[in-house]
Amino acid sequence: MFAVVPKLGVSGGVGLLLGLVAVWWVEPTTNAGIALLIGIFIVASMVVSGIATLIIGKKRSGN
């Protein structure tokens, strides 16, 4: 899993870090729970990054 993160870019790295914090906070008892938490945060951070890029792009092109 950690080998894929560099291919995801900065937003994937941020998601991984947030996922690790969530794992530390929630303390899931299975490996599947750990992978699910990290995966959710990686996907969520990439979606937020994509939306922010679209919003910022529209603001710049509108000026």
Protein backbone atom coordinates (compact mmCIF):
# COMPACT_ATOMS: atom_id res chain seq x y z
CA MET A 1 0.00 0.00 0.00
CA PHE A 2 2.77 2.44 0.85
CA ALA A 3 4.41 1.88 -2.55
CA VAL A 4 1.33 3.26 -4.32
CA VAL A 5 1.17 6.55 -2.38
CA PRO A 6 3.95 8.34 -4.32
CA LYS A 7 1.96 7.77 -7.50
CA LEU A 8 -1.07 9.49 -5.93
CA GLY A 9 0.70 12.79 -5.37
CA VAL A 10 0.50 15.27 -2.53
CA SER A 11 -3.19 14.71 -1.87
CA GLY A 12 -2.59 10.97 -1.53
CA GLY A 13 0.21 11.63 0.95
CA VAL A 14 -2.00 13.95 2.97
CA GLY A 15 -4.72 11.30 2.95
CA LEU A 16 -2.25 8.68 4.14
CA LEU A 17 -1.14 10.86 7.03
CA LEU A 18 -4.74 11.62 7.99
CA GLY A 19 -5.53 7.91 7.72
CA LEU A 20 -2.66 7.01 10.03
CA VAL A 21 -3.90 9.53 12.57
CA ALA A 22 -7.40 8.03 12.28
CA VAL A 23 -5.97 4.54 12.84
CA TRP A 24 -4.15 5.77 15.93
CA TRP A 25 -7.33 7.44 17.22
CA VAL A 26 -9.88 4.72 16.40
CA GLU A 27 -7.59 1.73 17.08
CA PRO A 28 -9.31 -0.84 14.81
CA THR A 29 -8.76 -4.47 15.80
CA THR A 30 -8.33 -5.96 12.31
CA ASN A 31 -6.02 -5.31 9.39
CA ALA A 32 -9.04 -4.86 7.16
CA GLY A 33 -10.25 -2.04 9.41
CA ILE A 34 -6.87 -0.35 9.21
CA ALA A 35 -6.79 -0.60 5.41
CA LEU A 36 -10.36 0.68 5.16
CA LEU A 37 -9.65 3.75 7.30
CA ILE A 38 -6.51 4.64 5.38
CA GLY A 39 -8.22 4.04 2.04
CA ILE A 40 -11.19 6.22 2.95
CA PHE A 41 -8.95 9.11 3.93
CA ILE A 42 -6.81 8.81 0.79
CA VAL A 43 -9.87 8.85 -1.47
CA ALA A 44 -11.51 11.68 0.49
CA SER A 45 -8.41 13.87 0.34
CA MET A 46 -8.06 13.28 -3.41
CA VAL A 47 -11.72 14.22 -3.97
CA VAL A 48 -11.36 17.38 -1.87
CA SER A 49 -8.19 18.27 -3.77
CA GLY A 50 -9.95 17.81 -7.11
CA ILE A 51 -12.90 19.96 -6.05
CA ALA A 52 -10.59 22.67 -4.71
CA THR A 53 -8.66 22.66 -7.98
CA LEU A 54 -11.87 23.15 -9.95
CA ILE A 55 -13.02 26.00 -7.71
CA ILE A 56 -9.67 27.76 -7.79
CA GLY A 57 -9.44 27.27 -11.56
CA LYS A 58 -12.85 28.91 -12.08
CA LYS A 59 -11.91 31.87 -9.88
CA ARG A 60 -8.68 32.46 -11.80
CA SER A 61 -10.30 32.18 -15.23
CA GLY A 62 -13.09 34.55 -14.16
CA ASN A 63 -10.69 37.43 -13.43
